[in-house]
Amino acid sequence: MTDRFDSEAFYAALNAARLSKQMTWKDVAEEAGIAASTLSRIGHGAKPDVNGLAALLAWSNLKAEDFIRGAKTEEAEPLAKITALLRADPHLSTQNAQLMENIVISTYNKLRGT
């Protein structure tokens, strides 16, 4: 499997965000809710774990797809987008989000003729 996540570019973008906010790496770690060692590892070329990546993306307002080599520029499938939105909705429990997802998928497939 080829290496698709560009951690060097991600770290450079994090550094630019850090500098623009006049923060230290320790400050970034504290604000993002991650260990400072995570930032050090990324700075030395390691790939962030999914929770560290999510925390740093949220802190920096960066988008993960900007650091994926060979990412397609076309839109995601409608059902994938709907699923992501339902599961991210803070007003829905996991069970209710899954229930709505099943209803939407079933209805979508019936209406589009598959």
PDB file of N, CA and C in Angstrom:
ATOM      1  N   MET A   1       0.844  -1.180   0.000  1.00  0.00           N
ATOM      2  CA  MET A   1       0.000   0.000   0.000  1.00  0.00           C
ATOM      3  C   MET A   1       0.888   1.242   0.000  1.00  0.00           C
ATOM      4  N   THR A   2       0.572   2.172  -0.869  1.00  0.00           N
ATOM      5  CA  THR A   2       1.365   3.394  -0.940  1.00  0.00           C
ATOM      6  C   THR A   2       0.983   4.350   0.181  1.00  0.00           C
ATOM      7  N   ASP A   3       1.918   5.208   0.504  1.00  0.00           N
ATOM      8  CA  ASP A   3       1.733   6.189   1.561  1.00  0.00           C
ATOM      9  C   ASP A   3       0.926   7.349   1.000  1.00  0.00           C
ATOM     10  N   ARG A   4      -0.321   7.495   1.426  1.00  0.00           N
ATOM     11  CA  ARG A   4      -1.179   8.508   0.821  1.00  0.00           C
ATOM     12  C   ARG A   4      -1.318   9.762   1.661  1.00  0.00           C
ATOM     13  N   PHE A   5      -1.104   9.676   2.979  1.00  0.00           N
ATOM     14  CA  PHE A   5      -1.247  10.863   3.819  1.00  0.00           C
ATOM     15  C   PHE A   5       0.074  11.610   3.863  1.00  0.00           C
ATOM     16  N   ASP A   6       0.054  12.876   3.501  1.00  0.00           N
ATOM     17  CA  ASP A   6       1.259  13.702   3.453  1.00  0.00           C
ATOM     18  C   ASP A   6       1.455  14.369   4.813  1.00  0.00           C
ATOM     19  N   SER A   7       2.100  13.639   5.725  1.00  0.00           N
ATOM     20  CA  SER A   7       2.273  14.157   7.084  1.00  0.00           C
ATOM     21  C   SER A   7       3.218  15.351   7.120  1.00  0.00           C
ATOM     22  N   GLU A   8       4.154  15.421   6.175  1.00  0.00           N
ATOM     23  CA  GLU A   8       5.069  16.566   6.125  1.00  0.00           C
ATOM     24  C   GLU A   8       4.299  17.854   5.813  1.00  0.00           C
ATOM     25  N   ALA A   9       3.401  17.789   4.832  1.00  0.00           N
ATOM     26  CA  ALA A   9       2.583  18.960   4.488  1.00  0.00           C
ATOM     27  C   ALA A   9       1.626  19.302   5.627  1.00  0.00           C
ATOM     28  N   PHE A  10       1.093  18.268   6.273  1.00  0.00           N
ATOM     29  CA  PHE A  10       0.185  18.491   7.402  1.00  0.00           C
ATOM     30  C   PHE A  10       0.914  19.208   8.532  1.00  0.00           C
ATOM     31  N   TYR A  11       2.110  18.750   8.842  1.00  0.00           N
ATOM     32  CA  TYR A  11       2.896  19.375   9.909  1.00  0.00           C
ATOM     33  C   TYR A  11       3.246  20.820   9.548  1.00  0.00           C
ATOM     34  N   ALA A  12       3.579  21.065   8.290  1.00  0.00           N
ATOM     35  CA  ALA A  12       3.898  22.425   7.847  1.00  0.00           C
ATOM     36  C   ALA A  12       2.679  23.338   7.991  1.00  0.00           C
ATOM     37  N   ALA A  13       1.505  22.816   7.657  1.00  0.00           N
ATOM     38  CA  ALA A  13       0.277  23.607   7.795  1.00  0.00           C
ATOM     39  C   ALA A  13      -0.038  23.866   9.267  1.00  0.00           C
ATOM     40  N   LEU A  14       0.176  22.852  10.114  1.00  0.00           N
ATOM     41  CA  LEU A  14      -0.013  23.047  11.558  1.00  0.00           C
ATOM     42  C   LEU A  14       0.943  24.110  12.079  1.00  0.00           C
ATOM     43  N   ASN A  15       2.176  24.053  11.611  1.00  0.00           N
ATOM     44  CA  ASN A  15       3.169  25.027  12.042  1.00  0.00           C
ATOM     45  C   ASN A  15       2.767  26.438  11.624  1.00  0.00           C
ATOM     46  N   ALA A  16       2.242  26.587  10.419  1.00  0.00           N
ATOM     47  CA  ALA A  16       1.785  27.898   9.955  1.00  0.00           C
ATOM     48  C   ALA A  16       0.633  28.402  10.826  1.00  0.00           C
ATOM     49  N   ALA A  17      -0.293  27.501  11.173  1.00  0.00           N
ATOM     50  CA  ALA A  17      -1.408  27.886  12.052  1.00  0.00           C
ATOM     51  C   ALA A  17      -0.886  28.274  13.429  1.00  0.00           C
ATOM     52  N   ARG A  18       0.069  27.509  13.931  1.00  0.00           N
ATOM     53  CA  ARG A  18       0.665  27.782  15.243  1.00  0.00           C
ATOM     54  C   ARG A  18       1.337  29.145  15.252  1.00  0.00           C
ATOM     55  N   LEU A  19       2.128  29.422  14.234  1.00  0.00           N
ATOM     56  CA  LEU A  19       2.842  30.698  14.158  1.00  0.00           C
ATOM     57  C   LEU A  19       1.881  31.878  14.027  1.00  0.00           C
ATOM     58  N   SER A  20       0.825  31.696  13.247  1.00  0.00           N
ATOM     59  CA  SER A  20      -0.130  32.795  13.071  1.00  0.00           C
ATOM     60  C   SER A  20      -0.870  33.106  14.367  1.00  0.00           C
ATOM     61  N   LYS A  21      -0.984  32.097  15.232  1.00  0.00           N
ATOM     62  CA  LYS A  21      -1.635  32.295  16.537  1.00  0.00           C
ATOM     63  C   LYS A  21      -0.623  32.631  17.627  1.00  0.00           C
ATOM     64  N   GLN A  22       0.649  32.718  17.244  1.00  0.00           N
ATOM     65  CA  GLN A  22       1.742  33.020  18.174  1.00  0.00           C
ATOM     66  C   GLN A  22       1.718  32.073  19.384  1.00  0.00           C
ATOM     67  N   MET A  23       1.689  30.779  19.072  1.00  0.00           N
ATOM     68  CA  MET A  23       1.625  29.750  20.107  1.00  0.00           C
ATOM     69  C   MET A  23       2.867  28.873  20.058  1.00  0.00           C
ATOM     70  N   THR A  24       3.150  28.221  21.173  1.00  0.00           N
ATOM     71  CA  THR A  24       4.195  27.204  21.210  1.00  0.00           C
ATOM     72  C   THR A  24       3.551  25.864  20.864  1.00  0.00           C
ATOM     73  N   TRP A  25       4.400  24.868  20.560  1.00  0.00           N
ATOM     74  CA  TRP A  25       3.864  23.527  20.307  1.00  0.00           C
ATOM     75  C   TRP A  25       3.180  22.985  21.557  1.00  0.00           C
ATOM     76  N   LYS A  26       3.699  23.332  22.719  1.00  0.00           N
ATOM     77  CA  LYS A  26       3.069  22.899  23.972  1.00  0.00           C
ATOM     78  C   LYS A  26       1.661  23.487  24.080  1.00  0.00           C
ATOM     79  N   ASP A  27       1.511  24.756  23.710  1.00  0.00           N
ATOM     80  CA  ASP A  27       0.187  25.389  23.719  1.00  0.00           C
ATOM     81  C   ASP A  27      -0.767  24.680  22.761  1.00  0.00           C
ATOM     82  N   VAL A  28      -0.262  24.340  21.584  1.00  0.00           N
ATOM     83  CA  VAL A  28      -1.082  23.638  20.589  1.00  0.00           C
ATOM     84  C   VAL A  28      -1.567  22.313  21.160  1.00  0.00           C
ATOM     85  N   ALA A  29      -0.648  21.555  21.752  1.00  0.00           N
ATOM     86  CA  ALA A  29      -1.006  20.259  22.327  1.00  0.00           C
ATOM     87  C   ALA A  29      -2.087  20.420  23.387  1.00  0.00           C
ATOM     88  N   GLU A  30      -1.926  21.402  24.252  1.00  0.00           N
ATOM     89  CA  GLU A  30      -2.910  21.622  25.316  1.00  0.00           C
ATOM     90  C   GLU A  30      -4.269  22.011  24.743  1.00  0.00           C
ATOM     91  N   GLU A  31      -4.278  22.954  23.803  1.00  0.00           N
ATOM     92  CA  GLU A  31      -5.547  23.395  23.210  1.00  0.00           C
ATOM     93  C   GLU A  31      -6.224  22.288  22.416  1.00  0.00           C
ATOM     94  N   ALA A  32      -5.434  21.485  21.725  1.00  0.00           N
ATOM     95  CA  ALA A  32      -5.993  20.408  20.901  1.00  0.00           C
ATOM     96  C   ALA A  32      -6.365  19.188  21.737  1.00  0.00           C
ATOM     97  N   GLY A  33      -5.843  19.114  22.957  1.00  0.00           N
ATOM     98  CA  GLY A  33      -6.152  17.976  23.819  1.00  0.00           C
ATOM     99  C   GLY A  33      -5.372  16.722  23.469  1.00  0.00           C
ATOM    100  N   ILE A  34      -4.141  16.906  23.025  1.00  0.00           N
ATOM    101  CA  ILE A  34      -3.288  15.762  22.685  1.00  0.00           C
ATOM    102  C   ILE A  34      -1.970  15.869  23.437  1.00  0.00           C
ATOM    103  N   ALA A  35      -1.213  14.792  23.426  1.00  0.00           N
ATOM    104  CA  ALA A  35       0.107  14.800  24.052  1.00  0.00           C
ATOM    105  C   ALA A  35       1.085  15.558  23.159  1.00  0.00           C
ATOM    106  N   ALA A  36       1.976  16.313  23.784  1.00  0.00           N
ATOM    107  CA  ALA A  36       2.997  17.043  23.024  1.00  0.00           C
ATOM    108  C   ALA A  36       3.857  16.081  22.213  1.00  0.00           C
ATOM    109  N   SER A  37       4.027  14.858  22.713  1.00  0.00           N
ATOM    110  CA  SER A  37       4.830  13.867  21.991  1.00  0.00           C
ATOM    111  C   SER A  37       4.205  13.506  20.642  1.00  0.00           C
ATOM    112  N   THR A  38       2.885  13.634  20.531  1.00  0.00           N
ATOM    113  CA  THR A  38       2.215  13.380  19.253  1.00  0.00           C
ATOM    114  C   THR A  38       2.704  14.366  18.200  1.00  0.00           C
ATOM    115  N   LEU A  39       2.800  15.627  18.586  1.00  0.00           N
ATOM    116  CA  LEU A  39       3.289  16.652  17.658  1.00  0.00           C
ATOM    117  C   LEU A  39       4.743  16.411  17.289  1.00  0.00           C
ATOM    118  N   SER A  40       5.527  16.000  18.257  1.00  0.00           N
ATOM    119  CA  SER A  40       6.939  15.711  18.003  1.00  0.00           C
ATOM    120  C   SER A  40       7.080  14.562  17.007  1.00  0.00           C
ATOM    121  N   ARG A  41       6.284  13.511  17.193  1.00  0.00           N
ATOM    122  CA  ARG A  41       6.341  12.364  16.282  1.00  0.00           C
ATOM    123  C   ARG A  41       5.937  12.767  14.863  1.00  0.00           C
ATOM    124  N   ILE A  42       4.883  13.585  14.748  1.00  0.00           N
ATOM    125  CA  ILE A  42       4.453  14.043  13.420  1.00  0.00           C
ATOM    126  C   ILE A  42       5.558  14.879  12.785  1.00  0.00           C
ATOM    127  N   GLY A  43       6.196  15.711  13.591  1.00  0.00           N
ATOM    128  CA  GLY A  43       7.297  16.540  13.101  1.00  0.00           C
ATOM    129  C   GLY A  43       8.480  15.738  12.603  1.00  0.00           C
ATOM    130  N   HIS A  44       8.607  14.504  13.101  1.00  0.00           N
ATOM    131  CA  HIS A  44       9.691  13.622  12.666  1.00  0.00           C
ATOM    132  C   HIS A  44       9.228  12.621  11.613  1.00  0.00           C
ATOM    133  N   GLY A  45       8.054  12.873  11.013  1.00  0.00           N
ATOM    134  CA  GLY A  45       7.603  12.060   9.887  1.00  0.00           C
ATOM    135  C   GLY A  45       6.612  10.964  10.188  1.00  0.00           C
ATOM    136  N   ALA A  46       6.247  10.775  11.455  1.00  0.00           N
ATOM    137  CA  ALA A  46       5.273   9.734  11.791  1.00  0.00           C
ATOM    138  C   ALA A  46       3.869  10.181  11.392  1.00  0.00           C
ATOM    139  N   LYS A  47       3.025   9.227  11.098  1.00  0.00           N
ATOM    140  CA  LYS A  47       1.635   9.526  10.786  1.00  0.00           C
ATOM    141  C   LYS A  47       0.864   9.668  12.097  1.00  0.00           C
ATOM    142  N   PRO A  48      -0.015  10.669  12.195  1.00  0.00           N
ATOM    143  CA  PRO A  48      -0.810  10.803  13.416  1.00  0.00           C
ATOM    144  C   PRO A  48      -1.850   9.693  13.492  1.00  0.00           C
ATOM    145  N   ASP A  49      -2.195   9.285  14.729  1.00  0.00           N
ATOM    146  CA  ASP A  49      -3.291   8.330  14.862  1.00  0.00           C
ATOM    147  C   ASP A  49      -4.591   9.074  14.570  1.00  0.00           C
ATOM    148  N   VAL A  50      -5.656   8.343  14.384  1.00  0.00           N
ATOM    149  CA  VAL A  50      -6.909   8.956  13.940  1.00  0.00           C
ATOM    150  C   VAL A  50      -7.437   9.970  14.956  1.00  0.00           C
ATOM    151  N   ASN A  51      -7.314   9.695  16.251  1.00  0.00           N
ATOM    152  CA  ASN A  51      -7.802  10.640  17.254  1.00  0.00           C
ATOM    153  C   ASN A  51      -6.938  11.894  17.304  1.00  0.00           C
ATOM    154  N   GLY A  52      -5.630  11.727  17.183  1.00  0.00           N
ATOM    155  CA  GLY A  52      -4.738  12.878  17.135  1.00  0.00           C
ATOM    156  C   GLY A  52      -4.992  13.720  15.901  1.00  0.00           C
ATOM    157  N   LEU A  53      -5.192  13.044  14.770  1.00  0.00           N
ATOM    158  CA  LEU A  53      -5.484  13.749  13.525  1.00  0.00           C
ATOM    159  C   LEU A  53      -6.774  14.551  13.662  1.00  0.00           C
ATOM    160  N   ALA A  54      -7.809  13.915  14.194  1.00  0.00           N
ATOM    161  CA  ALA A  54      -9.096  14.602  14.358  1.00  0.00           C
ATOM    162  C   ALA A  54      -8.959  15.822  15.266  1.00  0.00           C
ATOM    163  N   ALA A  55      -8.230  15.666  16.364  1.00  0.00           N
ATOM    164  CA  ALA A  55      -8.048  16.779  17.302  1.00  0.00           C
ATOM    165  C   ALA A  55      -7.297  17.931  16.651  1.00  0.00           C
ATOM    166  N   LEU A  56      -6.259  17.613  15.900  1.00  0.00           N
ATOM    167  CA  LEU A  56      -5.465  18.661  15.261  1.00  0.00           C
ATOM    168  C   LEU A  56      -6.208  19.323  14.103  1.00  0.00           C
ATOM    169  N   LEU A  57      -6.996  18.559  13.379  1.00  0.00           N
ATOM    170  CA  LEU A  57      -7.816  19.149  12.320  1.00  0.00           C
ATOM    171  C   LEU A  57      -8.842  20.103  12.916  1.00  0.00           C
ATOM    172  N   ALA A  58      -9.467  19.691  14.021  1.00  0.00           N
ATOM    173  CA  ALA A  58     -10.448  20.554  14.683  1.00  0.00           C
ATOM    174  C   ALA A  58      -9.781  21.818  15.213  1.00  0.00           C
ATOM    175  N   TRP A  59      -8.605  21.673  15.816  1.00  0.00           N
ATOM    176  CA  TRP A  59      -7.900  22.828  16.371  1.00  0.00           C
ATOM    177  C   TRP A  59      -7.520  23.824  15.272  1.00  0.00           C
ATOM    178  N   SER A  60      -7.048  23.314  14.148  1.00  0.00           N
ATOM    179  CA  SER A  60      -6.497  24.163  13.088  1.00  0.00           C
ATOM    180  C   SER A  60      -7.509  24.574  12.019  1.00  0.00           C
ATOM    181  N   ASN A  61      -8.678  23.945  12.026  1.00  0.00           N
ATOM    182  CA  ASN A  61      -9.683  24.153  10.976  1.00  0.00           C
ATOM    183  C   ASN A  61      -9.170  23.752   9.592  1.00  0.00           C
ATOM    184  N   LEU A  62      -8.215  22.828   9.561  1.00  0.00           N
ATOM    185  CA  LEU A  62      -7.726  22.280   8.298  1.00  0.00           C
ATOM    186  C   LEU A  62      -8.621  21.128   7.875  1.00  0.00           C
ATOM    187  N   LYS A  63      -8.544  20.730   6.617  1.00  0.00           N
ATOM    188  CA  LYS A  63      -9.332  19.616   6.096  1.00  0.00           C
ATOM    189  C   LYS A  63      -8.402  18.464   5.734  1.00  0.00           C
ATOM    190  N   ALA A  64      -8.745  17.273   6.202  1.00  0.00           N
ATOM    191  CA  ALA A  64      -7.909  16.092   5.976  1.00  0.00           C
ATOM    192  C   ALA A  64      -7.666  15.835   4.494  1.00  0.00           C
ATOM    193  N   GLU A  65      -8.679  16.066   3.668  1.00  0.00           N
ATOM    194  CA  GLU A  65      -8.532  15.756   2.240  1.00  0.00           C
ATOM    195  C   GLU A  65      -7.455  16.592   1.559  1.00  0.00           C
ATOM    196  N   ASP A  66      -7.080  17.708   2.173  1.00  0.00           N
ATOM    197  CA  ASP A  66      -6.011  18.523   1.598  1.00  0.00           C
ATOM    198  C   ASP A  66      -4.639  17.866   1.724  1.00  0.00           C
ATOM    199  N   PHE A  67      -4.542  16.807   2.522  1.00  0.00           N
ATOM    200  CA  PHE A  67      -3.254  16.159   2.766  1.00  0.00           C
ATOM    201  C   PHE A  67      -3.227  14.711   2.278  1.00  0.00           C
ATOM    202  N   ILE A  68      -4.207  14.346   1.477  1.00  0.00           N
ATOM    203  CA  ILE A  68      -4.262  12.995   0.926  1.00  0.00           C
ATOM    204  C   ILE A  68      -3.802  13.051  -0.519  1.00  0.00           C
ATOM    205  N   ARG A  69      -2.705  12.361  -0.796  1.00  0.00           N
ATOM    206  CA  ARG A  69      -2.160  12.319  -2.157  1.00  0.00           C
ATOM    207  C   ARG A  69      -3.085  11.509  -3.047  1.00  0.00           C
ATOM    208  N   GLY A  70      -3.342  12.026  -4.212  1.00  0.00           N
ATOM    209  CA  GLY A  70      -4.164  11.301  -5.175  1.00  0.00           C
ATOM    210  C   GLY A  70      -5.642  11.317  -4.853  1.00  0.00           C
ATOM    211  N   ALA A  71      -6.067  12.214  -3.973  1.00  0.00           N
ATOM    212  CA  ALA A  71      -7.488  12.288  -3.627  1.00  0.00           C
ATOM    213  C   ALA A  71      -8.280  12.766  -4.837  1.00  0.00           C
ATOM    214  N   LYS A  72      -9.428  12.181  -5.024  1.00  0.00           N
ATOM    215  CA  LYS A  72     -10.290  12.585  -6.126  1.00  0.00           C
ATOM    216  C   LYS A  72     -10.907  13.940  -5.797  1.00  0.00           C
ATOM    217  N   THR A  73     -11.118  14.727  -6.814  1.00  0.00           N
ATOM    218  CA  THR A  73     -11.696  16.048  -6.601  1.00  0.00           C
ATOM    219  C   THR A  73     -13.207  16.051  -6.776  1.00  0.00           C
ATOM    220  N   GLU A  74     -13.774  14.916  -7.126  1.00  0.00           N
ATOM    221  CA  GLU A  74     -15.219  14.866  -7.306  1.00  0.00           C
ATOM    222  C   GLU A  74     -15.913  14.742  -5.950  1.00  0.00           C
ATOM    223  N   GLU A  75     -17.176  15.057  -5.939  1.00  0.00           N
ATOM    224  CA  GLU A  75     -17.978  15.017  -4.719  1.00  0.00           C
ATOM    225  C   GLU A  75     -18.131  13.581  -4.210  1.00  0.00           C
ATOM    226  N   ALA A  76     -18.301  13.458  -2.904  1.00  0.00           N
ATOM    227  CA  ALA A  76     -18.585  12.158  -2.298  1.00  0.00           C
ATOM    228  C   ALA A  76     -19.995  11.725  -2.703  1.00  0.00           C
ATOM    229  N   GLU A  77     -20.240  10.447  -2.597  1.00  0.00           N
ATOM    230  CA  GLU A  77     -21.566   9.918  -2.897  1.00  0.00           C
ATOM    231  C   GLU A  77     -22.587  10.542  -1.946  1.00  0.00           C
ATOM    232  N   PRO A  78     -23.797  10.836  -2.435  1.00  0.00           N
ATOM    233  CA  PRO A  78     -24.808  11.461  -1.584  1.00  0.00           C
ATOM    234  C   PRO A  78     -25.095  10.677  -0.302  1.00  0.00           C
ATOM    235  N   LEU A  79     -25.198   9.360  -0.403  1.00  0.00           N
ATOM    236  CA  LEU A  79     -25.489   8.568   0.795  1.00  0.00           C
ATOM    237  C   LEU A  79     -24.349   8.636   1.806  1.00  0.00           C
ATOM    238  N   ALA A  80     -23.124   8.714   1.336  1.00  0.00           N
ATOM    239  CA  ALA A  80     -21.986   8.836   2.252  1.00  0.00           C
ATOM    240  C   ALA A  80     -22.043  10.170   2.983  1.00  0.00           C
ATOM    241  N   LYS A  81     -22.401  11.233   2.274  1.00  0.00           N
ATOM    242  CA  LYS A  81     -22.505  12.548   2.898  1.00  0.00           C
ATOM    243  C   LYS A  81     -23.641  12.580   3.923  1.00  0.00           C
ATOM    244  N   ILE A  82     -24.777  11.987   3.560  1.00  0.00           N
ATOM    245  CA  ILE A  82     -25.915  11.957   4.479  1.00  0.00           C
ATOM    246  C   ILE A  82     -25.566  11.168   5.732  1.00  0.00           C
ATOM    247  N   THR A  83     -24.923  10.021   5.560  1.00  0.00           N
ATOM    248  CA  THR A  83     -24.519   9.202   6.699  1.00  0.00           C
ATOM    249  C   THR A  83     -23.601   9.981   7.625  1.00  0.00           C
ATOM    250  N   ALA A  84     -22.627  10.664   7.062  1.00  0.00           N
ATOM    251  CA  ALA A  84     -21.695  11.449   7.881  1.00  0.00           C
ATOM    252  C   ALA A  84     -22.431  12.540   8.645  1.00  0.00           C
ATOM    253  N   LEU A  85     -23.365  13.209   7.991  1.00  0.00           N
ATOM    254  CA  LEU A  85     -24.127  14.273   8.657  1.00  0.00           C
ATOM    255  C   LEU A  85     -24.997  13.724   9.780  1.00  0.00           C
ATOM    256  N   LEU A  86     -25.670  12.612   9.525  1.00  0.00           N
ATOM    257  CA  LEU A  86     -26.525  12.024  10.559  1.00  0.00           C
ATOM    258  C   LEU A  86     -25.712  11.592  11.775  1.00  0.00           C
ATOM    259  N   ARG A  87     -24.575  10.972  11.528  1.00  0.00           N
ATOM    260  CA  ARG A  87     -23.762  10.482  12.644  1.00  0.00           C
ATOM    261  C   ARG A  87     -23.058  11.605  13.390  1.00  0.00           C
ATOM    262  N   ALA A  88     -22.909  12.756  12.769  1.00  0.00           N
ATOM    263  CA  ALA A  88     -22.277  13.902  13.431  1.00  0.00           C
ATOM    264  C   ALA A  88     -23.293  14.775  14.168  1.00  0.00           C
ATOM    265  N   ASP A  89     -24.583  14.514  13.969  1.00  0.00           N
ATOM    266  CA  ASP A  89     -25.627  15.339  14.581  1.00  0.00           C
ATOM    267  C   ASP A  89     -25.657  15.123  16.092  1.00  0.00           C
ATOM    268  N   PRO A  90     -25.379  16.156  16.877  1.00  0.00           N
ATOM    269  CA  PRO A  90     -25.352  16.004  18.333  1.00  0.00           C
ATOM    270  C   PRO A  90     -26.736  15.775  18.935  1.00  0.00           C
ATOM    271  N   HIS A  91     -27.785  15.992  18.148  1.00  0.00           N
ATOM    272  CA  HIS A  91     -29.147  15.817  18.655  1.00  0.00           C
ATOM    273  C   HIS A  91     -29.656  14.390  18.493  1.00  0.00           C
ATOM    274  N   LEU A  92     -28.883  13.541  17.824  1.00  0.00           N
ATOM    275  CA  LEU A  92     -29.293  12.156  17.592  1.00  0.00           C
ATOM    276  C   LEU A  92     -28.383  11.196  18.344  1.00  0.00           C
ATOM    277  N   SER A  93     -28.994  10.206  18.976  1.00  0.00           N
ATOM    278  CA  SER A  93     -28.189   9.140  19.578  1.00  0.00           C
ATOM    279  C   SER A  93     -27.623   8.300  18.441  1.00  0.00           C
ATOM    280  N   THR A  94     -26.628   7.500  18.741  1.00  0.00           N
ATOM    281  CA  THR A  94     -26.043   6.629  17.720  1.00  0.00           C
ATOM    282  C   THR A  94     -27.108   5.722  17.126  1.00  0.00           C
ATOM    283  N   GLN A  95     -27.956   5.173  17.997  1.00  0.00           N
ATOM    284  CA  GLN A  95     -29.015   4.267  17.542  1.00  0.00           C
ATOM    285  C   GLN A  95     -30.003   4.993  16.622  1.00  0.00           C
ATOM    286  N   ASN A  96     -30.410   6.198  16.986  1.00  0.00           N
ATOM    287  CA  ASN A  96     -31.357   6.941  16.154  1.00  0.00           C
ATOM    288  C   ASN A  96     -30.725   7.392  14.839  1.00  0.00           C
ATOM    289  N   ALA A  97     -29.458   7.738  14.861  1.00  0.00           N
ATOM    290  CA  ALA A  97     -28.768   8.103  13.624  1.00  0.00           C
ATOM    291  C   ALA A  97     -28.721   6.904  12.679  1.00  0.00           C
ATOM    292  N   GLN A  98     -28.445   5.717  13.220  1.00  0.00           N
ATOM    293  CA  GLN A  98     -28.408   4.504  12.399  1.00  0.00           C
ATOM    294  C   GLN A  98     -29.790   4.181  11.847  1.00  0.00           C
ATOM    295  N   LEU A  99     -30.818   4.381  12.658  1.00  0.00           N
ATOM    296  CA  LEU A  99     -32.185   4.135  12.208  1.00  0.00           C
ATOM    297  C   LEU A  99     -32.538   5.068  11.049  1.00  0.00           C
ATOM    298  N   MET A 100     -32.243   6.348  11.204  1.00  0.00           N
ATOM    299  CA  MET A 100     -32.512   7.303  10.126  1.00  0.00           C
ATOM    300  C   MET A 100     -31.691   6.978   8.882  1.00  0.00           C
ATOM    301  N   GLU A 101     -30.448   6.567   9.096  1.00  0.00           N
ATOM    302  CA  GLU A 101     -29.585   6.188   7.978  1.00  0.00           C
ATOM    303  C   GLU A 101     -30.209   5.038   7.189  1.00  0.00           C
ATOM    304  N   ASN A 102     -30.695   4.027   7.886  1.00  0.00           N
ATOM    305  CA  ASN A 102     -31.329   2.882   7.224  1.00  0.00           C
ATOM    306  C   ASN A 102     -32.562   3.305   6.434  1.00  0.00           C
ATOM    307  N   ILE A 103     -33.362   4.205   7.006  1.00  0.00           N
ATOM    308  CA  ILE A 103     -34.561   4.694   6.322  1.00  0.00           C
ATOM    309  C   ILE A 103     -34.170   5.454   5.055  1.00  0.00           C
ATOM    310  N   VAL A 104     -33.196   6.337   5.171  1.00  0.00           N
ATOM    311  CA  VAL A 104     -32.762   7.139   4.020  1.00  0.00           C
ATOM    312  C   VAL A 104     -32.192   6.247   2.922  1.00  0.00           C
ATOM    313  N   ILE A 105     -31.347   5.292   3.286  1.00  0.00           N
ATOM    314  CA  ILE A 105     -30.744   4.401   2.288  1.00  0.00           C
ATOM    315  C   ILE A 105     -31.811   3.590   1.574  1.00  0.00           C
ATOM    316  N   SER A 106     -32.743   3.040   2.337  1.00  0.00           N
ATOM    317  CA  SER A 106     -33.813   2.241   1.747  1.00  0.00           C
ATOM    318  C   SER A 106     -34.668   3.078   0.798  1.00  0.00           C
ATOM    319  N   THR A 107     -35.055   4.254   1.246  1.00  0.00           N
ATOM    320  CA  THR A 107     -35.880   5.139   0.421  1.00  0.00           C
ATOM    321  C   THR A 107     -35.116   5.602  -0.814  1.00  0.00           C
ATOM    322  N   TYR A 108     -33.885   5.987  -0.642  1.00  0.00           N
ATOM    323  CA  TYR A 108     -33.049   6.458  -1.748  1.00  0.00           C
ATOM    324  C   TYR A 108     -32.924   5.379  -2.821  1.00  0.00           C
ATOM    325  N   ASN A 109     -32.596   4.170  -2.390  1.00  0.00           N
ATOM    326  CA  ASN A 109     -32.429   3.077  -3.351  1.00  0.00           C
ATOM    327  C   ASN A 109     -33.734   2.745  -4.063  1.00  0.00           C
ATOM    328  N   LYS A 110     -34.853   2.818  -3.347  1.00  0.00           N
ATOM    329  CA  LYS A 110     -36.144   2.527  -3.969  1.00  0.00           C
ATOM    330  C   LYS A 110     -36.496   3.601  -4.998  1.00  0.00           C
ATOM    331  N   LEU A 111     -36.264   4.857  -4.651  1.00  0.00           N
ATOM    332  CA  LEU A 111     -36.640   5.947  -5.546  1.00  0.00           C
ATOM    333  C   LEU A 111     -35.722   6.077  -6.758  1.00  0.00           C
ATOM    334  N   ARG A 112     -34.483   5.694  -6.621  1.00  0.00           N
ATOM    335  CA  ARG A 112     -33.590   5.794  -7.779  1.00  0.00           C
ATOM    336  C   ARG A 112     -33.631   4.527  -8.632  1.00  0.00           C
ATOM    337  N   GLY A 113     -34.365   3.518  -8.171  1.00  0.00           N
ATOM    338  CA  GLY A 113     -34.596   2.335  -8.985  1.00  0.00           C
ATOM    339  C   GLY A 113     -33.576   1.231  -8.857  1.00  0.00           C
ATOM    340  N   THR A 114     -32.848   1.169  -7.728  1.00  0.00           N
ATOM    341  CA  THR A 114     -31.884   0.074  -7.561  1.00  0.00           C
ATOM    342  C   THR A 114     -32.341  -0.876  -6.494  1.00  0.00           C
TER     343      THR A 114
END
